[in-house]
C-alpha atoms as a PDB file:
ATOM      1  CA  MET A   1     -76.023  91.473 122.240  1.00  0.00           C
ATOM      2  CA  LYS A   2     -77.424  94.385 124.288  1.00  0.00           C
ATOM      3  CA  ILE A   3     -80.623  94.592 122.236  1.00  0.00           C
ATOM      4  CA  ALA A   4     -83.695  94.380 124.384  1.00  0.00           C
ATOM      5  CA  THR A   5     -86.718  92.348 123.189  1.00  0.00           C
ATOM      6  CA  HIS A   6     -90.325  92.273 124.327  1.00  0.00           C
ATOM      7  CA  GLU A   7     -92.730  89.365 124.145  1.00  0.00           C
ATOM      8  CA  ASN A   8     -91.906  86.055 122.652  1.00  0.00           C
ATOM      9  CA  ILE A   9     -90.309  87.027 119.354  1.00  0.00           C
ATOM     10  CA  LYS A  10     -88.859  84.271 117.083  1.00  0.00           C
ATOM     11  CA  LEU A  11     -85.431  85.706 116.163  1.00  0.00           C
ATOM     12  CA  THR A  12     -84.148  84.497 112.775  1.00  0.00           C
ATOM     13  CA  ASP A  13     -80.342  84.277 112.190  1.00  0.00           C
ATOM     14  CA  ARG A  14     -80.804  87.126 109.591  1.00  0.00           C
ATOM     15  CA  LEU A  15     -82.661  89.440 112.123  1.00  0.00           C
ATOM     16  CA  ILE A  16     -80.056  88.671 114.867  1.00  0.00           C
ATOM     17  CA  ALA A  17     -77.254  89.555 112.413  1.00  0.00           C
ATOM     18  CA  GLU A  18     -78.932  92.784 111.282  1.00  0.00           C
ATOM     19  CA  LEU A  19     -79.676  93.861 114.900  1.00  0.00           C
ATOM     20  CA  ARG A  20     -76.043  93.363 115.804  1.00  0.00           C
ATOM     21  CA  ILE A  21     -74.987  95.549 112.838  1.00  0.00           C
ATOM     22  CA  LEU A  22     -77.621  98.137 113.887  1.00  0.00           C
ATOM     23  CA  GLU A  23     -76.451  98.298 117.533  1.00  0.00           C
ATOM     24  CA  LYS A  24     -73.070  99.497 116.184  1.00  0.00           C
ATOM     25  CA  VAL A  25     -74.756 102.725 115.006  1.00  0.00           C
ATOM     26  CA  ALA A  26     -77.772 103.055 117.254  1.00  0.00           C
ATOM     27  CA  LYS A  27     -77.597 103.591 121.005  1.00  0.00           C
ATOM     28  CA  THR A  28     -80.545 101.591 122.275  1.00  0.00           C
ATOM     29  CA  VAL A  29     -82.477  99.125 120.174  1.00  0.00           C
ATOM     30  CA  ILE A  30     -85.683  97.278 121.306  1.00  0.00           C
ATOM     31  CA  LEU A  31     -87.392  94.655 119.246  1.00  0.00           C
ATOM     32  CA  GLY A  32     -91.063  94.023 119.689  1.00  0.00           C
ATOM     33  CA  ARG A  33     -94.210  92.945 117.711  1.00  0.00           C
ATOM     34  CA  LYS A  34     -96.981  95.139 116.296  1.00  0.00           C
ATOM     35  CA  THR A  35    -100.174  93.779 114.894  1.00  0.00           C
ATOM     36  CA  ILE A  36    -102.079  96.103 112.541  1.00  0.00           C
ATOM     37  CA  GLY A  37    -105.248  94.738 111.003  1.00  0.00           C
ATOM     38  CA  ASN A  38    -104.198  91.165 110.185  1.00  0.00           C
ATOM     39  CA  ILE A  39    -100.488  91.982 109.509  1.00  0.00           C
ATOM     40  CA  GLN A  40     -97.986  91.250 112.250  1.00  0.00           C
ATOM     41  CA  TYR A  41     -94.734  93.270 111.969  1.00  0.00           C
ATOM     42  CA  ASN A  42     -91.502  93.077 113.801  1.00  0.00           C
ATOM     43  CA  ALA A  43     -91.157  96.518 115.478  1.00  0.00           C
ATOM     44  CA  VAL A  44     -87.648  97.917 115.758  1.00  0.00           C
ATOM     45  CA  LEU A  45     -87.523 100.780 118.229  1.00  0.00           C
ATOM     46  CA  ILE A  46     -84.391 103.019 118.381  1.00  0.00           C
ATOM     47  CA  LYS A  47     -84.354 105.073 121.496  1.00  0.00           C
ATOM     48  CA  ARG A  48     -83.185 108.668 121.630  1.00  0.00           C
ATOM     49  CA  MET A  49     -81.857 109.249 118.099  1.00  0.00           C
ATOM     50  CA  PRO A  50     -79.938 112.543 118.063  1.00  0.00           C
ATOM     51  CA  LEU A  51     -81.508 115.472 116.280  1.00  0.00           C
ATOM     52  CA  SER A  52     -79.936 118.568 114.654  1.00  0.00           C
ATOM     53  CA  CYS A  53     -80.098 121.575 116.888  1.00  0.00           C
ATOM     54  CA  GLN A  54     -80.251 123.678 113.695  1.00  0.00           C
ATOM     55  CA  LYS A  55     -83.465 121.986 112.526  1.00  0.00           C
ATOM     56  CA  PHE A  56     -85.286 120.944 115.739  1.00  0.00           C
ATOM     57  CA  ALA A  57     -85.978 122.604 119.129  1.00  0.00           C
ATOM     58  CA  VAL A  58     -85.486 119.104 120.796  1.00  0.00           C
ATOM     59  CA  SER A  59     -82.239 117.109 121.024  1.00  0.00           C
ATOM     60  CA  ASN A  60     -83.469 113.576 120.295  1.00  0.00           C
ATOM     61  CA  THR A  61     -86.388 111.410 119.219  1.00  0.00           C
ATOM     62  CA  ASP A  62     -87.400 107.718 119.227  1.00  0.00           C
ATOM     63  CA  LEU A  63     -87.535 106.084 115.853  1.00  0.00           C
ATOM     64  CA  LEU A  64     -89.592 103.118 114.829  1.00  0.00           C
ATOM     65  CA  PHE A  65     -89.315 100.713 111.861  1.00  0.00           C
ATOM     66  CA  LEU A  66     -92.089  98.306 111.127  1.00  0.00           C
ATOM     67  CA  LEU A  67     -90.601  95.273 109.283  1.00  0.00           C
ATOM     68  CA  PRO A  68     -93.100  93.716 107.038  1.00  0.00           C
ATOM     69  CA  PRO A  69     -93.585  89.971 107.286  1.00  0.00           C
ATOM     70  CA  ASP A  70     -91.542  89.326 104.220  1.00  0.00           C
ATOM     71  CA  TYR A  71     -88.590  91.451 105.367  1.00  0.00           C
ATOM     72  CA  PRO A  72     -85.722  91.639 104.134  1.00  0.00           C
ATOM     73  CA  ARG A  73     -87.210  90.909 100.697  1.00  0.00           C
ATOM     74  CA  ILE A  74     -89.516  93.771 101.212  1.00  0.00           C
ATOM     75  CA  PRO A  75     -88.288  96.881 103.172  1.00  0.00           C
ATOM     76  CA  PRO A  76     -90.245  98.895 105.650  1.00  0.00           C
ATOM     77  CA  ILE A  77     -92.170 101.871 104.183  1.00  0.00           C
ATOM     78  CA  GLY A  78     -90.518 104.892 105.803  1.00  0.00           C
ATOM     79  CA  CYS A  79     -90.152 105.057 109.623  1.00  0.00           C
ATOM     80  CA  TYR A  80     -91.969 106.762 112.475  1.00  0.00           C
ATOM     81  CA  LEU A  81     -90.995 109.414 115.079  1.00  0.00           C
ATOM     82  CA  ASN A  82     -92.554 109.436 118.553  1.00  0.00           C
ATOM     83  CA  TYR A  83     -93.691 113.083 118.528  1.00  0.00           C
ATOM     84  CA  PRO A  84     -94.859 115.528 115.819  1.00  0.00           C
ATOM     85  CA  TRP A  85     -91.623 117.705 116.249  1.00  0.00           C
ATOM     86  CA  ASP A  86     -91.897 121.049 114.610  1.00  0.00           C
ATOM     87  CA  SER A  87     -88.732 121.838 112.372  1.00  0.00           C
ATOM     88  CA  VAL A  88     -87.550 125.372 112.078  1.00  0.00           C
ATOM     89  CA  GLY A  89     -87.729 127.356 108.751  1.00  0.00           C
ATOM     90  CA  GLU A  90     -89.481 125.999 105.795  1.00  0.00           C
ATOM     91  CA  GLY A  91     -90.237 122.643 107.589  1.00  0.00           C
ATOM     92  CA  ASP A  92     -89.547 119.208 106.227  1.00  0.00           C
ATOM     93  CA  HIS A  93     -91.883 117.989 103.427  1.00  0.00           C
ATOM     94  CA  HIS A  94     -91.031 114.362 104.257  1.00  0.00           C
ATOM     95  CA  PHE A  95     -92.560 114.793 107.665  1.00  0.00           C
ATOM     96  CA  THR A  96     -96.214 115.219 106.922  1.00  0.00           C
ATOM     97  CA  ARG A  97     -97.625 113.627 110.076  1.00  0.00           C
ATOM     98  CA  GLN A  98     -99.660 111.543 107.725  1.00  0.00           C
ATOM     99  CA  SER A  99     -98.730 108.137 106.228  1.00  0.00           C
ATOM    100  CA  TYR A 100     -98.643 107.308 102.588  1.00  0.00           C
ATOM    101  CA  TYR A 101     -97.763 104.511 100.139  1.00  0.00           C
ATOM    102  CA  GLY A 102     -99.382 101.904 102.344  1.00  0.00           C
ATOM    103  CA  ALA A 103     -97.546 102.694 105.563  1.00  0.00           C
ATOM    104  CA  PRO A 104     -99.816 102.069 108.517  1.00  0.00           C
ATOM    105  CA  PHE A 105    -101.220 105.353 110.189  1.00  0.00           C
ATOM    106  CA  LEU A 106    -100.105 105.260 113.790  1.00  0.00           C
ATOM    107  CA  SER A 107    -100.595 108.982 114.822  1.00  0.00           C
ATOM    108  CA  GLU A 108    -103.279 108.005 117.237  1.00  0.00           C
ATOM    109  CA  GLU A 109    -100.733 105.887 119.001  1.00  0.00           C
ATOM    110  CA  GLY A 110     -98.094 108.802 119.071  1.00  0.00           C
ATOM    111  CA  TRP A 111     -96.105 107.648 116.118  1.00  0.00           C
ATOM    112  CA  TYR A 112     -95.748 110.050 113.111  1.00  0.00           C
ATOM    113  CA  TRP A 113     -94.676 108.652 109.742  1.00  0.00           C
ATOM    114  CA  TYR A 114     -91.525 110.047 108.077  1.00  0.00           C
ATOM    115  CA  CYS A 115     -91.050 109.494 104.411  1.00  0.00           C
ATOM    116  CA  VAL A 116     -87.567 108.021 103.916  1.00  0.00           C
ATOM    117  CA  GLY A 117     -86.122 105.126 101.959  1.00  0.00           C
ATOM    118  CA  LEU A 118     -82.986 104.086 100.103  1.00  0.00           C
ATOM    119  CA  GLY A 119     -83.890 105.747  96.820  1.00  0.00           C
ATOM    120  CA  GLY A 120     -86.192 105.147  94.045  1.00  0.00           C
ATOM    121  CA  GLY A 121     -89.185 107.001  95.714  1.00  0.00           C
ATOM    122  CA  PHE A 122     -92.120 104.904  96.832  1.00  0.00           C
ATOM    123  CA  ASN A 123     -93.323 103.462  93.521  1.00  0.00           C
ATOM    124  CA  ARG A 124     -93.363  99.940  94.397  1.00  0.00           C
ATOM    125  CA  ASP A 125     -91.294  98.676  91.400  1.00  0.00           C
ATOM    126  CA  ARG A 126     -88.668 101.470  91.745  1.00  0.00           C
ATOM    127  CA  TRP A 127     -88.439 101.032  95.454  1.00  0.00           C
ATOM    128  CA  LEU A 128     -87.796  97.214  95.191  1.00  0.00           C
ATOM    129  CA  ASN A 129     -85.126  97.900  92.510  1.00  0.00           C
ATOM    130  CA  SER A 130     -83.389 100.318  94.910  1.00  0.00           C
ATOM    131  CA  TRP A 131     -83.568  98.047  97.938  1.00  0.00           C
ATOM    132  CA  ARG A 132     -80.652  95.621  97.774  1.00  0.00           C
ATOM    133  CA  PRO A 133     -80.315  93.281 100.689  1.00  0.00           C
ATOM    134  CA  SER A 134     -77.769  90.485 100.321  1.00  0.00           C
ATOM    135  CA  THR A 135     -77.537  87.004 101.286  1.00  0.00           C
ATOM    136  CA  TYR A 136     -74.976  88.245 103.755  1.00  0.00           C
ATOM    137  CA  PRO A 137     -76.595  90.961 105.938  1.00  0.00           C
ATOM    138  CA  ASP A 138     -73.434  93.009 106.256  1.00  0.00           C
ATOM    139  CA  LYS A 139     -72.848  93.205 102.474  1.00  0.00           C
ATOM    140  CA  GLY A 140     -76.096  94.765 101.372  1.00  0.00           C
ATOM    141  CA  HIS A 141     -78.994  96.982 102.647  1.00  0.00           C
ATOM    142  CA  ASN A 142     -79.996  96.178 106.209  1.00  0.00           C
ATOM    143  CA  LEU A 143     -81.424  97.797 109.310  1.00  0.00           C
ATOM    144  CA  ALA A 144     -78.286  99.831 109.944  1.00  0.00           C
ATOM    145  CA  THR A 145     -78.323 101.189 106.277  1.00  0.00           C
ATOM    146  CA  LEU A 146     -81.967 102.168 106.817  1.00  0.00           C
ATOM    147  CA  PHE A 147     -81.242 103.811 110.088  1.00  0.00           C
ATOM    148  CA  VAL A 148     -78.224 105.776 108.858  1.00  0.00           C
ATOM    149  CA  THR A 149     -80.285 106.883 105.842  1.00  0.00           C
ATOM    150  CA  ALA A 150     -83.182 107.982 107.979  1.00  0.00           C
ATOM    151  CA  ARG A 151     -81.037 109.708 110.600  1.00  0.00           C
ATOM    152  CA  HIS A 152     -79.334 111.729 107.754  1.00  0.00           C
ATOM    153  CA  ALA A 153     -82.624 112.549 106.084  1.00  0.00           C
ATOM    154  CA  ILE A 154     -84.355 113.602 109.250  1.00  0.00           C
ATOM    155  CA  ASN A 155     -81.427 115.824 110.303  1.00  0.00           C
ATOM    156  CA  ASP A 156     -80.629 117.357 106.898  1.00  0.00           C
ATOM    157  CA  ASP A 157     -81.464 120.976 106.388  1.00  0.00           C
ATOM    158  CA  GLY A 158     -81.833 120.621 102.563  1.00  0.00           C
END
């Protein structure tokens, strides 16, 4: 596995399996830890995600998922981009540069929240009903499905 890890992270079999699936669709993946308040997250950093030249004036961005302690039962709330890229035209109402729905605010650290998920909005009950991880990581929602969904949403002109 080519995934770089920082610090002493205890990798579960589930997380290892999901990272292996993710590395098939993402170039460089780095796993770290991030403590916010009294919550410790696994931080999944994807380096240099390609961006649409029709929507952005830059060619790539880093993307960050903060996995809650009870992941995969609970999915991350959106994702973060490493710079407040301006998009052309009308802009992107999912990229508010604020964080909502309980997502940590990381703008002071250079990470800007992007509202994206796997359907159902961010009403907690609807979100949990849309999030479908399986006992087998490759059979249900996982880090790769989150990444592919985020990449599509971020690059979509609609």
